[in-house]
Amino acid sequence: MREHIMNLTPAPMLEIRAGNKTIELRLNDEKRKQISVGDAIKFINTEDSKDTLRETVVDLFVFSSFAELYDNLPLLKCGYNEDNITTASPDDMDIYYPKEKQNQYGVVGIEISLL
């Protein structure tokens, strides 16, 4: 088992901690391609490095685009809630990852569970 370190903004940290968000969405870049089921991920809050979460990887869902991911995964587990699920769009991920990078690497949904 390997441990991977990932930075995460406060809002998704709260959703993971509350058990609402169980799938983390990322580019499937070289760093993410190293992740395997059973590995641990240590999330570090981008606004408070002392605030961390350790999760275990229970599944990996690889797609060519966020559009494909959004069509195939339950968005309520990906950080959306009843208030914003109707406006959920793959374009929401553009603020985190430029389209060129999405096209270059593809994307991954990392299903996690509290360690």
Protein backbone atom coordinates (compact mmCIF):
# COMPACT_ATOMS: atom_id res chain seq x y z
CA MET A 1 0.00 0.00 0.00
CA ARG A 2 1.28 3.44 -0.95
CA GLU A 3 0.23 6.78 0.45
CA HIS A 4 -0.42 9.64 -1.96
CA ILE A 5 -0.63 13.30 -0.98
CA MET A 6 -3.26 15.57 -2.56
CA ASN A 7 -4.24 19.15 -1.85
CA LEU A 8 -7.93 19.90 -1.49
CA THR A 9 -9.90 23.11 -0.97
CA PRO A 10 -11.95 23.48 2.23
CA ALA A 11 -15.45 22.84 0.78
CA PRO A 12 -14.70 19.36 -0.63
CA MET A 13 -12.76 18.53 2.57
CA LEU A 14 -15.93 19.20 4.56
CA GLU A 15 -18.03 17.09 2.18
CA ILE A 16 -15.60 14.15 2.41
CA ARG A 17 -15.41 14.45 6.19
CA ALA A 18 -19.23 14.45 6.39
CA GLY A 19 -19.38 11.32 4.21
CA ASN A 20 -21.27 13.09 1.41
CA LYS A 21 -18.44 13.11 -1.14
CA THR A 22 -16.98 9.66 -1.75
CA ILE A 23 -15.60 10.14 -5.26
CA GLU A 24 -12.79 12.63 -5.86
CA LEU A 25 -12.47 13.90 -9.46
CA ARG A 26 -9.01 14.51 -10.89
CA LEU A 27 -7.01 14.55 -14.09
CA ASN A 28 -5.61 11.12 -14.82
CA ASP A 29 -2.11 12.56 -15.02
CA GLU A 30 1.14 10.76 -14.21
CA LYS A 31 0.66 11.30 -10.46
CA ARG A 32 -2.86 9.81 -10.47
CA LYS A 33 -1.83 6.88 -12.68
CA GLN A 34 0.33 5.71 -9.74
CA ILE A 35 -2.76 5.21 -7.54
CA SER A 36 -4.10 1.69 -7.00
CA VAL A 37 -7.10 0.29 -5.17
CA GLY A 38 -6.05 -0.24 -1.54
CA ASP A 39 -3.68 2.74 -1.49
CA ALA A 40 -4.13 5.59 0.99
CA ILE A 41 -4.61 9.25 0.10
CA LYS A 42 -3.76 12.01 2.53
CA PHE A 43 -5.75 15.12 1.66
CA ILE A 44 -4.30 18.41 2.89
CA ASN A 45 -6.54 21.46 3.21
CA THR A 46 -5.19 24.19 0.90
CA GLU A 47 -6.03 26.85 3.49
CA ASP A 48 -4.81 25.01 6.61
CA SER A 49 -2.02 22.46 6.16
CA LYS A 50 -2.67 21.05 9.66
CA ASP A 51 -6.14 19.97 8.51
CA THR A 52 -5.74 16.56 6.89
CA LEU A 53 -7.82 13.50 6.04
CA ARG A 54 -6.62 9.96 5.32
CA GLU A 55 -8.77 7.92 2.99
CA THR A 56 -8.38 4.55 1.34
CA VAL A 57 -8.93 4.04 -2.38
CA VAL A 58 -11.76 1.56 -2.96
CA ASP A 59 -12.21 1.97 -6.74
CA LEU A 60 -10.92 3.90 -9.75
CA PHE A 61 -13.08 5.02 -12.68
CA VAL A 62 -11.07 6.17 -15.71
CA PHE A 63 -12.72 8.17 -18.51
CA SER A 64 -11.59 10.15 -21.53
CA SER A 65 -13.41 13.30 -20.38
CA PHE A 66 -15.39 14.83 -17.55
CA ALA A 67 -18.44 14.68 -19.85
CA GLU A 68 -18.10 10.88 -19.97
CA LEU A 69 -17.46 10.73 -16.22
CA TYR A 70 -20.55 12.86 -15.47
CA ASP A 71 -22.66 10.54 -17.64
CA ASN A 72 -21.47 7.42 -15.79
CA LEU A 73 -20.92 8.23 -12.11
CA PRO A 74 -23.44 9.26 -9.41
CA LEU A 75 -22.83 13.00 -9.09
CA LEU A 76 -24.25 13.09 -5.56
CA LYS A 77 -21.14 11.09 -4.57
CA CYS A 78 -18.86 13.47 -6.51
CA GLY A 79 -19.46 16.57 -4.40
CA TYR A 80 -22.82 17.75 -5.66
CA ASN A 81 -25.92 17.92 -3.46
CA GLU A 82 -29.69 18.19 -3.94
CA ASP A 83 -29.40 21.99 -4.23
CA ASN A 84 -26.93 22.03 -7.13
CA ILE A 85 -27.33 18.64 -8.86
CA THR A 86 -29.70 20.06 -11.50
CA THR A 87 -27.04 22.53 -12.67
CA ALA A 88 -24.10 20.09 -12.46
CA SER A 89 -21.99 20.23 -15.60
CA PRO A 90 -18.67 18.75 -16.72
CA ASP A 91 -17.69 22.35 -17.49
CA ASP A 92 -17.61 22.90 -13.69
CA MET A 93 -14.22 21.14 -13.74
CA ASP A 94 -12.73 23.69 -16.17
CA ILE A 95 -11.91 26.02 -13.27
CA TYR A 96 -9.57 23.34 -11.90
CA TYR A 97 -8.21 21.78 -15.09
CA PRO A 98 -7.71 23.40 -18.52
CA LYS A 99 -9.42 21.59 -21.42
CA GLU A 100 -6.01 20.91 -23.01
CA LYS A 101 -4.92 18.97 -19.91
CA GLN A 102 -8.25 17.11 -19.78
CA ASN A 103 -7.78 16.08 -23.41
CA GLN A 104 -4.13 15.15 -22.84
CA TYR A 105 -4.56 12.97 -19.75
CA GLY A 106 -8.21 11.98 -19.49
CA VAL A 107 -9.85 11.98 -16.06
CA VAL A 108 -10.37 9.69 -13.10
CA GLY A 109 -12.96 9.33 -10.38
CA ILE A 110 -11.26 8.05 -7.25
CA GLU A 111 -13.72 6.34 -4.92
CA ILE A 112 -12.58 6.72 -1.33
CA SER A 113 -13.53 5.58 2.14
CA LEU A 114 -12.38 6.95 5.49
CA LEU A 115 -9.26 5.08 6.62
